[in-house]
Amino acid sequence: GAESSGSTPLDSQAMAFHEHLRRAWASSHSMLCVGLDPDPARFPAAVGSSVFDFCMAIVDATADVVCAFKPQIAYFAATGAERDLERICAAIRDRYPSVLLVLDAKRGDIGSTAEQYAREAFDRYRAHAVTVNPYLGTDSVEPFLRHPGGGVFVLCRTSNPGSGDFQSLMVDGEPLYAHVARRVAHEWNEIGDCGLVVGATYPAELAAVRAIVGDLPLLVPGVGAQGGDVSATVGAGRDAQGFGMVINSSRAVLYASSGDDFAEAAREVAIATRDEIRTHAPR
């Protein structure tokens, strides 16, 4: 979104998303993002079935070693836990104002509906950034880009096995995902702060996207449970400053232990992942 005057680190809704992310990298010295995908069937007995208690235990255990948290809205909506998500988002913003809050919603719809989704992400959940699907084109993303203080991570080359069905189709001599990357970097980013979602499972494509977009931030899922290689990911995706990525791990951190020590175990995995990322990102 547009840069607001008088922004302070605590006034992070008004701060432009790119600036907030730069500060998050600098203060945490970390490119790790922990994804919040709460599955009550996998909760340890210690938290019962409380989505709020489980997520906040993870957040409090890892907040000082991450640049971002990424709640996945489907995990909350499927069990009717949207109120928990509101409380979790508010708690993250209040307790850890330097950490970026990314709502993983992958929204993509036309005009007036997109405006409602933007209100949901930025006003109801007060996210700093939201994931969006570019398939419907510029007017479907514009309501998110024009929302004050809001940023968007646009799906580009995703980490799932079927991602190539459309994303790798050749269009005018290059794959479709490259066209998406160029449009986002050179046009949509002029409207409001953008980043791209590029999976860790395809490091060659990650490098190709980085070459197209310069220092635009990349949200990179696929390390941890999905098996993406951290060394290859960082080598392919880091920016000129040695940062440039929000590297997400969800299940590997959340469910590191099923015992009463689940939060401590999550912290250990988060630290190990952060440190592995650091070793491959020379500064």
C-alpha atoms as a PDB file:
ATOM      1  CA  GLY A   1       0.000   0.000   0.000  1.00  0.00           C
ATOM      2  CA  ALA A   2       0.924   3.648  -0.079  1.00  0.00           C
ATOM      3  CA  GLU A   3       3.609   4.926   2.315  1.00  0.00           C
ATOM      4  CA  SER A   4       1.978   6.840   5.108  1.00  0.00           C
ATOM      5  CA  SER A   5       3.492   9.885   6.760  1.00  0.00           C
ATOM      6  CA  GLY A   6       4.527   9.687  10.373  1.00  0.00           C
ATOM      7  CA  SER A   7       4.944   5.901  10.437  1.00  0.00           C
ATOM      8  CA  THR A   8       6.665   4.454  13.474  1.00  0.00           C
ATOM      9  CA  PRO A   9       7.663   0.837  14.116  1.00  0.00           C
ATOM     10  CA  LEU A  10       4.527   0.447  16.240  1.00  0.00           C
ATOM     11  CA  ASP A  11       2.241   2.022  13.663  1.00  0.00           C
ATOM     12  CA  SER A  12       2.809  -0.941  11.393  1.00  0.00           C
ATOM     13  CA  GLN A  13      -0.556  -0.993   9.616  1.00  0.00           C
ATOM     14  CA  ALA A  14       0.301   2.383   8.119  1.00  0.00           C
ATOM     15  CA  MET A  15       3.884   1.414   7.328  1.00  0.00           C
ATOM     16  CA  ALA A  16       4.429   0.201   3.779  1.00  0.00           C
ATOM     17  CA  PHE A  17       4.805  -3.562   3.575  1.00  0.00           C
ATOM     18  CA  HIS A  18       8.291  -3.471   1.995  1.00  0.00           C
ATOM     19  CA  GLU A  19       9.604  -1.180   4.735  1.00  0.00           C
ATOM     20  CA  HIS A  20       8.058  -3.351   7.444  1.00  0.00           C
ATOM     21  CA  LEU A  21       9.653  -6.442   5.932  1.00  0.00           C
ATOM     22  CA  ARG A  22      13.096  -4.787   5.729  1.00  0.00           C
ATOM     23  CA  ARG A  23      12.831  -3.907   9.406  1.00  0.00           C
ATOM     24  CA  ALA A  24      11.720  -7.447  10.260  1.00  0.00           C
ATOM     25  CA  TRP A  25      14.746  -8.931   8.487  1.00  0.00           C
ATOM     26  CA  ALA A  26      17.084  -6.456  10.157  1.00  0.00           C
ATOM     27  CA  SER A  27      15.748  -6.889  13.684  1.00  0.00           C
ATOM     28  CA  SER A  28      15.467 -10.688  13.587  1.00  0.00           C
ATOM     29  CA  HIS A  29      18.483 -11.443  11.356  1.00  0.00           C
ATOM     30  CA  SER A  30      16.216 -14.173  10.052  1.00  0.00           C
ATOM     31  CA  MET A  31      14.401 -15.053   6.832  1.00  0.00           C
ATOM     32  CA  LEU A  32      12.347 -17.780   8.529  1.00  0.00           C
ATOM     33  CA  CYS A  33       8.552 -17.581   8.512  1.00  0.00           C
ATOM     34  CA  VAL A  34       6.516 -19.975  10.640  1.00  0.00           C
ATOM     35  CA  GLY A  35       3.236 -20.982   9.036  1.00  0.00           C
ATOM     36  CA  LEU A  36       0.275 -21.414  11.377  1.00  0.00           C
ATOM     37  CA  ASP A  37      -1.723 -24.405  10.059  1.00  0.00           C
ATOM     38  CA  PRO A  38      -3.527 -25.597  13.195  1.00  0.00           C
ATOM     39  CA  ASP A  39      -4.910 -29.131  12.930  1.00  0.00           C
ATOM     40  CA  PRO A  40      -6.665 -30.040  16.220  1.00  0.00           C
ATOM     41  CA  ALA A  41      -6.207 -33.753  15.418  1.00  0.00           C
ATOM     42  CA  ARG A  42      -2.451 -33.225  15.812  1.00  0.00           C
ATOM     43  CA  PHE A  43      -2.500 -31.034  18.931  1.00  0.00           C
ATOM     44  CA  PRO A  44      -0.639 -32.305  21.987  1.00  0.00           C
ATOM     45  CA  ALA A  45      -2.802 -33.264  24.946  1.00  0.00           C
ATOM     46  CA  ALA A  46      -1.469 -30.271  26.876  1.00  0.00           C
ATOM     47  CA  VAL A  47      -3.530 -27.786  24.837  1.00  0.00           C
ATOM     48  CA  GLY A  48      -6.629 -29.903  24.332  1.00  0.00           C
ATOM     49  CA  SER A  49      -8.485 -28.632  21.273  1.00  0.00           C
ATOM     50  CA  SER A  50      -7.765 -24.908  21.743  1.00  0.00           C
ATOM     51  CA  VAL A  51      -6.606 -23.424  18.435  1.00  0.00           C
ATOM     52  CA  PHE A  52      -5.734 -20.154  20.168  1.00  0.00           C
ATOM     53  CA  ASP A  53      -3.643 -21.762  22.904  1.00  0.00           C
ATOM     54  CA  PHE A  54      -1.764 -23.994  20.461  1.00  0.00           C
ATOM     55  CA  CYS A  55      -0.952 -21.216  17.997  1.00  0.00           C
ATOM     56  CA  MET A  56       0.051 -18.700  20.661  1.00  0.00           C
ATOM     57  CA  ALA A  57       2.338 -21.242  22.331  1.00  0.00           C
ATOM     58  CA  ILE A  58       4.098 -21.654  18.981  1.00  0.00           C
ATOM     59  CA  VAL A  59       4.165 -17.900  18.349  1.00  0.00           C
ATOM     60  CA  ASP A  60       5.571 -17.051  21.780  1.00  0.00           C
ATOM     61  CA  ALA A  61       8.215 -19.781  21.476  1.00  0.00           C
ATOM     62  CA  THR A  62       9.464 -18.667  18.046  1.00  0.00           C
ATOM     63  CA  ALA A  63       8.737 -14.943  17.629  1.00  0.00           C
ATOM     64  CA  ASP A  64      12.313 -13.802  18.300  1.00  0.00           C
ATOM     65  CA  VAL A  65      13.810 -16.085  15.624  1.00  0.00           C
ATOM     66  CA  VAL A  66      11.432 -15.361  12.713  1.00  0.00           C
ATOM     67  CA  CYS A  67      10.747 -12.443  10.364  1.00  0.00           C
ATOM     68  CA  ALA A  68       7.096 -13.429   9.833  1.00  0.00           C
ATOM     69  CA  PHE A  69       4.136 -15.589  10.791  1.00  0.00           C
ATOM     70  CA  LYS A  70       1.795 -16.908   8.114  1.00  0.00           C
ATOM     71  CA  PRO A  71      -1.611 -18.127   9.320  1.00  0.00           C
ATOM     72  CA  GLN A  72      -3.357 -20.229   6.657  1.00  0.00           C
ATOM     73  CA  ILE A  73      -6.997 -19.157   6.727  1.00  0.00           C
ATOM     74  CA  ALA A  74      -8.439 -22.517   5.619  1.00  0.00           C
ATOM     75  CA  TYR A  75      -7.233 -24.231   8.791  1.00  0.00           C
ATOM     76  CA  PHE A  76      -9.209 -21.741  10.850  1.00  0.00           C
ATOM     77  CA  ALA A  77     -12.296 -21.442   8.655  1.00  0.00           C
ATOM     78  CA  ALA A  78     -12.776 -25.203   8.315  1.00  0.00           C
ATOM     79  CA  THR A  79     -13.309 -25.599  12.057  1.00  0.00           C
ATOM     80  CA  GLY A  80     -15.161 -22.314  12.619  1.00  0.00           C
ATOM     81  CA  ALA A  81     -12.134 -20.784  14.352  1.00  0.00           C
ATOM     82  CA  GLU A  82     -12.101 -17.394  12.645  1.00  0.00           C
ATOM     83  CA  ARG A  83     -12.533 -15.654  15.995  1.00  0.00           C
ATOM     84  CA  ASP A  84      -9.412 -17.459  17.194  1.00  0.00           C
ATOM     85  CA  LEU A  85      -7.610 -16.217  14.092  1.00  0.00           C
ATOM     86  CA  GLU A  86      -8.660 -12.637  14.860  1.00  0.00           C
ATOM     87  CA  ARG A  87      -7.310 -12.998  18.417  1.00  0.00           C
ATOM     88  CA  ILE A  88      -4.057 -14.615  17.228  1.00  0.00           C
ATOM     89  CA  CYS A  89      -3.449 -11.879  14.647  1.00  0.00           C
ATOM     90  CA  ALA A  90      -4.151  -9.175  17.234  1.00  0.00           C
ATOM     91  CA  ALA A  91      -1.814 -10.828  19.742  1.00  0.00           C
ATOM     92  CA  ILE A  92       1.008 -11.120  17.194  1.00  0.00           C
ATOM     93  CA  ARG A  93       0.658  -7.444  16.269  1.00  0.00           C
ATOM     94  CA  ASP A  94       0.504  -6.305  19.891  1.00  0.00           C
ATOM     95  CA  ARG A  95       3.299  -8.477  21.308  1.00  0.00           C
ATOM     96  CA  TYR A  96       5.657  -8.610  18.331  1.00  0.00           C
ATOM     97  CA  PRO A  97       5.173  -5.414  16.294  1.00  0.00           C
ATOM     98  CA  SER A  98       8.345  -5.901  14.246  1.00  0.00           C
ATOM     99  CA  VAL A  99       7.242  -9.320  12.942  1.00  0.00           C
ATOM    100  CA  LEU A 100       5.408  -9.404   9.602  1.00  0.00           C
ATOM    101  CA  LEU A 101       1.909 -10.925   9.631  1.00  0.00           C
ATOM    102  CA  VAL A 102       1.028 -12.616   6.322  1.00  0.00           C
ATOM    103  CA  LEU A 103      -2.506 -13.918   5.857  1.00  0.00           C
ATOM    104  CA  ASP A 104      -2.294 -16.916   3.535  1.00  0.00           C
ATOM    105  CA  ALA A 105      -5.678 -16.727   1.830  1.00  0.00           C
ATOM    106  CA  LYS A 106      -4.768 -16.955  -1.888  1.00  0.00           C
ATOM    107  CA  ARG A 107      -7.683 -14.722  -2.767  1.00  0.00           C
ATOM    108  CA  GLY A 108      -8.562 -13.924  -6.374  1.00  0.00           C
ATOM    109  CA  ASP A 109     -11.910 -12.495  -7.433  1.00  0.00           C
ATOM    110  CA  ILE A 110     -13.356  -9.609  -9.386  1.00  0.00           C
ATOM    111  CA  GLY A 111     -13.858  -5.960  -8.431  1.00  0.00           C
ATOM    112  CA  SER A 112     -16.316  -5.479  -5.594  1.00  0.00           C
ATOM    113  CA  THR A 113     -15.773  -9.013  -4.230  1.00  0.00           C
ATOM    114  CA  ALA A 114     -12.016  -8.471  -4.168  1.00  0.00           C
ATOM    115  CA  GLU A 115     -12.628  -5.295  -2.178  1.00  0.00           C
ATOM    116  CA  GLN A 116     -14.447  -7.340   0.452  1.00  0.00           C
ATOM    117  CA  TYR A 117     -11.603  -9.860   0.606  1.00  0.00           C
ATOM    118  CA  ALA A 118      -9.161  -6.969   1.028  1.00  0.00           C
ATOM    119  CA  ARG A 119     -11.239  -5.644   3.922  1.00  0.00           C
ATOM    120  CA  GLU A 120     -11.267  -9.113   5.456  1.00  0.00           C
ATOM    121  CA  ALA A 121      -7.473  -9.422   5.263  1.00  0.00           C
ATOM    122  CA  PHE A 122      -6.457  -5.914   6.259  1.00  0.00           C
ATOM    123  CA  ASP A 123      -9.323  -4.642   8.434  1.00  0.00           C
ATOM    124  CA  ARG A 124     -10.755  -7.772  10.076  1.00  0.00           C
ATOM    125  CA  TYR A 125      -7.485  -9.710  10.536  1.00  0.00           C
ATOM    126  CA  ARG A 126      -5.199  -6.653  10.252  1.00  0.00           C
ATOM    127  CA  ALA A 127      -2.603  -8.551   8.244  1.00  0.00           C
ATOM    128  CA  HIS A 128       0.399  -6.698   6.862  1.00  0.00           C
ATOM    129  CA  ALA A 129       0.262  -8.722   3.655  1.00  0.00           C
ATOM    130  CA  VAL A 130      -2.007 -11.294   2.009  1.00  0.00           C
ATOM    131  CA  THR A 131      -1.418 -13.956  -0.636  1.00  0.00           C
ATOM    132  CA  VAL A 132      -3.406 -13.448  -3.846  1.00  0.00           C
ATOM    133  CA  ASN A 133      -4.006 -15.386  -7.049  1.00  0.00           C
ATOM    134  CA  PRO A 134      -3.231 -13.402 -10.251  1.00  0.00           C
ATOM    135  CA  TYR A 135      -5.341 -15.515 -12.615  1.00  0.00           C
ATOM    136  CA  LEU A 136      -8.143 -12.920 -12.893  1.00  0.00           C
ATOM    137  CA  GLY A 137      -5.760 -10.096 -13.740  1.00  0.00           C
ATOM    138  CA  THR A 138      -4.954  -6.581 -12.608  1.00  0.00           C
ATOM    139  CA  ASP A 139      -8.412  -5.402 -11.508  1.00  0.00           C
ATOM    140  CA  SER A 140      -8.786  -8.420  -9.202  1.00  0.00           C
ATOM    141  CA  VAL A 141      -5.584  -7.528  -7.319  1.00  0.00           C
ATOM    142  CA  GLU A 142      -5.893  -3.746  -7.332  1.00  0.00           C
ATOM    143  CA  PRO A 143      -8.231  -3.535  -4.293  1.00  0.00           C
ATOM    144  CA  PHE A 144      -5.539  -5.249  -2.203  1.00  0.00           C
ATOM    145  CA  LEU A 145      -2.765  -3.039  -3.591  1.00  0.00           C
ATOM    146  CA  ARG A 146      -4.700   0.174  -2.947  1.00  0.00           C
ATOM    147  CA  HIS A 147      -5.632  -0.726   0.623  1.00  0.00           C
ATOM    148  CA  PRO A 148      -3.619   1.568   2.955  1.00  0.00           C
ATOM    149  CA  GLY A 149      -0.612  -0.205   4.414  1.00  0.00           C
ATOM    150  CA  GLY A 150      -1.456  -3.523   2.810  1.00  0.00           C
ATOM    151  CA  GLY A 151       0.921  -5.616   0.752  1.00  0.00           C
ATOM    152  CA  VAL A 152       0.383  -8.617  -1.497  1.00  0.00           C
ATOM    153  CA  PHE A 153       2.357 -11.751  -2.240  1.00  0.00           C
ATOM    154  CA  VAL A 154       1.231 -12.849  -5.711  1.00  0.00           C
ATOM    155  CA  LEU A 155       1.285 -16.549  -6.587  1.00  0.00           C
ATOM    156  CA  CYS A 156       3.946 -17.048  -9.259  1.00  0.00           C
ATOM    157  CA  ARG A 157       5.689 -20.468  -9.272  1.00  0.00           C
ATOM    158  CA  THR A 158       4.141 -22.518  -6.507  1.00  0.00           C
ATOM    159  CA  SER A 159       5.640 -25.509  -4.693  1.00  0.00           C
ATOM    160  CA  ASN A 160       2.965 -28.139  -5.408  1.00  0.00           C
ATOM    161  CA  PRO A 161       3.461 -30.996  -7.917  1.00  0.00           C
ATOM    162  CA  GLY A 162       0.736 -29.771 -10.297  1.00  0.00           C
ATOM    163  CA  SER A 163       1.953 -26.179 -10.371  1.00  0.00           C
ATOM    164  CA  GLY A 164       3.446 -26.588 -13.828  1.00  0.00           C
ATOM    165  CA  ASP A 165       0.083 -27.429 -15.423  1.00  0.00           C
ATOM    166  CA  PHE A 166      -0.457 -23.749 -16.175  1.00  0.00           C
ATOM    167  CA  GLN A 167       2.485 -21.885 -14.640  1.00  0.00           C
ATOM    168  CA  SER A 168       5.041 -23.514 -16.948  1.00  0.00           C
ATOM    169  CA  LEU A 169       3.072 -23.152 -20.183  1.00  0.00           C
ATOM    170  CA  MET A 170       5.171 -21.389 -22.789  1.00  0.00           C
ATOM    171  CA  VAL A 171       3.797 -17.998 -23.833  1.00  0.00           C
ATOM    172  CA  ASP A 172       5.729 -15.897 -26.366  1.00  0.00           C
ATOM    173  CA  GLY A 173       8.850 -17.930 -25.721  1.00  0.00           C
ATOM    174  CA  GLU A 174       8.884 -18.004 -21.940  1.00  0.00           C
ATOM    175  CA  PRO A 175       6.902 -19.738 -19.211  1.00  0.00           C
ATOM    176  CA  LEU A 176       3.740 -18.097 -17.922  1.00  0.00           C
ATOM    177  CA  TYR A 177       5.179 -17.674 -14.406  1.00  0.00           C
ATOM    178  CA  ALA A 178       7.887 -15.406 -15.887  1.00  0.00           C
ATOM    179  CA  HIS A 179       5.187 -13.170 -17.391  1.00  0.00           C
ATOM    180  CA  VAL A 180       3.497 -13.022 -13.966  1.00  0.00           C
ATOM    181  CA  ALA A 181       6.793 -12.099 -12.296  1.00  0.00           C
ATOM    182  CA  ARG A 182       7.487  -9.318 -14.778  1.00  0.00           C
ATOM    183  CA  ARG A 183       3.967  -7.857 -14.585  1.00  0.00           C
ATOM    184  CA  VAL A 184       4.054  -7.846 -10.792  1.00  0.00           C
ATOM    185  CA  ALA A 185       7.533  -6.339 -10.543  1.00  0.00           C
ATOM    186  CA  HIS A 186       7.125  -3.639 -13.169  1.00  0.00           C
ATOM    187  CA  GLU A 187       3.419  -2.753 -13.066  1.00  0.00           C
ATOM    188  CA  TRP A 188       1.560  -3.983  -9.986  1.00  0.00           C
ATOM    189  CA  ASN A 189       4.390  -2.974  -7.654  1.00  0.00           C
ATOM    190  CA  GLU A 190       3.897   0.612  -8.873  1.00  0.00           C
ATOM    191  CA  ILE A 191       0.316   0.523  -7.522  1.00  0.00           C
ATOM    192  CA  GLY A 192       1.191  -0.963  -4.123  1.00  0.00           C
ATOM    193  CA  ASP A 193       3.869  -3.041  -2.424  1.00  0.00           C
ATOM    194  CA  CYS A 194       4.164  -6.520  -3.959  1.00  0.00           C
ATOM    195  CA  GLY A 195       6.069  -9.725  -3.499  1.00  0.00           C
ATOM    196  CA  LEU A 196       5.876 -13.102  -5.233  1.00  0.00           C
ATOM    197  CA  VAL A 197       5.225 -16.631  -4.021  1.00  0.00           C
ATOM    198  CA  VAL A 198       7.857 -19.004  -5.454  1.00  0.00           C
ATOM    199  CA  GLY A 199       8.303 -22.528  -4.110  1.00  0.00           C
ATOM    200  CA  ALA A 200      11.562 -23.841  -2.673  1.00  0.00           C
ATOM    201  CA  THR A 201      10.948 -27.082  -4.562  1.00  0.00           C
ATOM    202  CA  TYR A 202      12.017 -25.451  -7.864  1.00  0.00           C
ATOM    203  CA  PRO A 203      15.343 -23.631  -7.251  1.00  0.00           C
ATOM    204  CA  ALA A 204      16.091 -23.103 -10.963  1.00  0.00           C
ATOM    205  CA  GLU A 205      12.769 -21.331 -11.422  1.00  0.00           C
ATOM    206  CA  LEU A 206      13.380 -19.405  -8.201  1.00  0.00           C
ATOM    207  CA  ALA A 207      16.657 -18.111  -9.661  1.00  0.00           C
ATOM    208  CA  ALA A 208      14.896 -17.217 -12.917  1.00  0.00           C
ATOM    209  CA  VAL A 209      12.265 -15.206 -11.027  1.00  0.00           C
ATOM    210  CA  ARG A 210      14.922 -13.415  -8.952  1.00  0.00           C
ATOM    211  CA  ALA A 211      16.709 -12.406 -12.154  1.00  0.00           C
ATOM    212  CA  ILE A 212      13.474 -10.901 -13.520  1.00  0.00           C
ATOM    213  CA  VAL A 213      12.294  -9.016 -10.413  1.00  0.00           C
ATOM    214  CA  GLY A 214      15.467  -7.593  -8.872  1.00  0.00           C
ATOM    215  CA  ASP A 215      15.096  -7.182  -5.107  1.00  0.00           C
ATOM    216  CA  LEU A 216      11.325  -7.736  -4.905  1.00  0.00           C
ATOM    217  CA  PRO A 217      10.607  -9.896  -1.830  1.00  0.00           C
ATOM    218  CA  LEU A 218       9.767 -13.564  -2.330  1.00  0.00           C
ATOM    219  CA  LEU A 219       7.570 -15.698  -0.084  1.00  0.00           C
ATOM    220  CA  VAL A 220       9.099 -19.152  -0.377  1.00  0.00           C
ATOM    221  CA  PRO A 221       7.121 -22.167   0.871  1.00  0.00           C
ATOM    222  CA  GLY A 222       8.339 -25.729   0.544  1.00  0.00           C
ATOM    223  CA  VAL A 223      11.215 -26.177   2.999  1.00  0.00           C
ATOM    224  CA  GLY A 224      10.662 -28.563   5.894  1.00  0.00           C
ATOM    225  CA  ALA A 225       7.868 -31.064   5.333  1.00  0.00           C
ATOM    226  CA  GLN A 226       7.765 -30.455   1.553  1.00  0.00           C
ATOM    227  CA  GLY A 227      11.461 -31.234   1.214  1.00  0.00           C
ATOM    228  CA  GLY A 228      12.834 -28.056  -0.370  1.00  0.00           C
ATOM    229  CA  ASP A 229      16.633 -27.754  -0.078  1.00  0.00           C
ATOM    230  CA  VAL A 230      17.627 -24.753   2.052  1.00  0.00           C
ATOM    231  CA  SER A 231      21.069 -24.298   0.473  1.00  0.00           C
ATOM    232  CA  ALA A 232      19.693 -24.325  -3.087  1.00  0.00           C
ATOM    233  CA  THR A 233      16.800 -22.073  -2.076  1.00  0.00           C
ATOM    234  CA  VAL A 234      18.948 -19.382  -0.477  1.00  0.00           C
ATOM    235  CA  GLY A 235      21.507 -19.501  -3.265  1.00  0.00           C
ATOM    236  CA  ALA A 236      18.811 -19.033  -5.883  1.00  0.00           C
ATOM    237  CA  GLY A 237      16.551 -16.549  -4.136  1.00  0.00           C
ATOM    238  CA  ARG A 238      18.478 -14.127  -1.945  1.00  0.00           C
ATOM    239  CA  ASP A 239      18.591 -10.464  -2.918  1.00  0.00           C
ATOM    240  CA  ALA A 240      21.584  -8.120  -3.209  1.00  0.00           C
ATOM    241  CA  GLN A 241      21.545  -7.519   0.553  1.00  0.00           C
ATOM    242  CA  GLY A 242      21.562 -11.235   1.375  1.00  0.00           C
ATOM    243  CA  PHE A 243      17.917 -11.198   2.462  1.00  0.00           C
ATOM    244  CA  GLY A 244      14.966 -10.931   0.081  1.00  0.00           C
ATOM    245  CA  MET A 245      13.033 -14.024   1.137  1.00  0.00           C
ATOM    246  CA  VAL A 246      10.364 -15.037   3.619  1.00  0.00           C
ATOM    247  CA  ILE A 247      11.100 -18.764   3.819  1.00  0.00           C
ATOM    248  CA  ASN A 248       8.139 -20.620   5.255  1.00  0.00           C
ATOM    249  CA  SER A 249       8.085 -23.784   7.319  1.00  0.00           C
ATOM    250  CA  SER A 250       4.798 -24.938   8.819  1.00  0.00           C
ATOM    251  CA  ARG A 251       4.360 -28.568   9.815  1.00  0.00           C
ATOM    252  CA  ALA A 252       8.030 -29.253  10.587  1.00  0.00           C
ATOM    253  CA  VAL A 253       7.912 -26.533  13.262  1.00  0.00           C
ATOM    254  CA  LEU A 254       4.318 -26.864  14.493  1.00  0.00           C
ATOM    255  CA  TYR A 255       4.408 -30.601  15.049  1.00  0.00           C
ATOM    256  CA  ALA A 256       8.055 -31.069  16.047  1.00  0.00           C
ATOM    257  CA  SER A 257       6.778 -32.859  19.156  1.00  0.00           C
ATOM    258  CA  SER A 258       3.403 -34.262  20.163  1.00  0.00           C
ATOM    259  CA  GLY A 259       4.292 -34.100  23.847  1.00  0.00           C
ATOM    260  CA  ASP A 260       4.051 -31.413  26.512  1.00  0.00           C
ATOM    261  CA  ASP A 261       7.353 -30.014  25.197  1.00  0.00           C
ATOM    262  CA  PHE A 262       5.792 -29.133  21.822  1.00  0.00           C
ATOM    263  CA  ALA A 263       6.561 -25.403  22.112  1.00  0.00           C
ATOM    264  CA  GLU A 264      10.193 -25.973  23.127  1.00  0.00           C
ATOM    265  CA  ALA A 265      10.589 -28.501  20.304  1.00  0.00           C
ATOM    266  CA  ALA A 266       9.078 -26.016  17.841  1.00  0.00           C
ATOM    267  CA  ARG A 267      11.598 -23.413  18.993  1.00  0.00           C
ATOM    268  CA  GLU A 268      14.503 -25.818  18.510  1.00  0.00           C
ATOM    269  CA  VAL A 269      13.433 -26.642  14.946  1.00  0.00           C
ATOM    270  CA  ALA A 270      12.842 -22.952  14.177  1.00  0.00           C
ATOM    271  CA  ILE A 271      16.315 -22.010  15.446  1.00  0.00           C
ATOM    272  CA  ALA A 272      17.929 -24.845  13.496  1.00  0.00           C
ATOM    273  CA  THR A 273      16.112 -23.797  10.319  1.00  0.00           C
ATOM    274  CA  ARG A 274      16.956 -20.118  10.810  1.00  0.00           C
ATOM    275  CA  ASP A 275      20.619 -21.015  11.363  1.00  0.00           C
ATOM    276  CA  GLU A 276      20.723 -23.258   8.296  1.00  0.00           C
ATOM    277  CA  ILE A 277      19.299 -20.399   6.203  1.00  0.00           C
ATOM    278  CA  ARG A 278      21.901 -18.033   7.695  1.00  0.00           C
ATOM    279  CA  THR A 279      24.842 -20.275   6.813  1.00  0.00           C
ATOM    280  CA  HIS A 280      23.909 -20.019   3.139  1.00  0.00           C
ATOM    281  CA  ALA A 281      23.214 -16.269   3.111  1.00  0.00           C
ATOM    282  CA  PRO A 282      26.592 -14.519   3.413  1.00  0.00           C
ATOM    283  CA  ARG A 283      26.435 -10.907   4.511  1.00  0.00           C
END
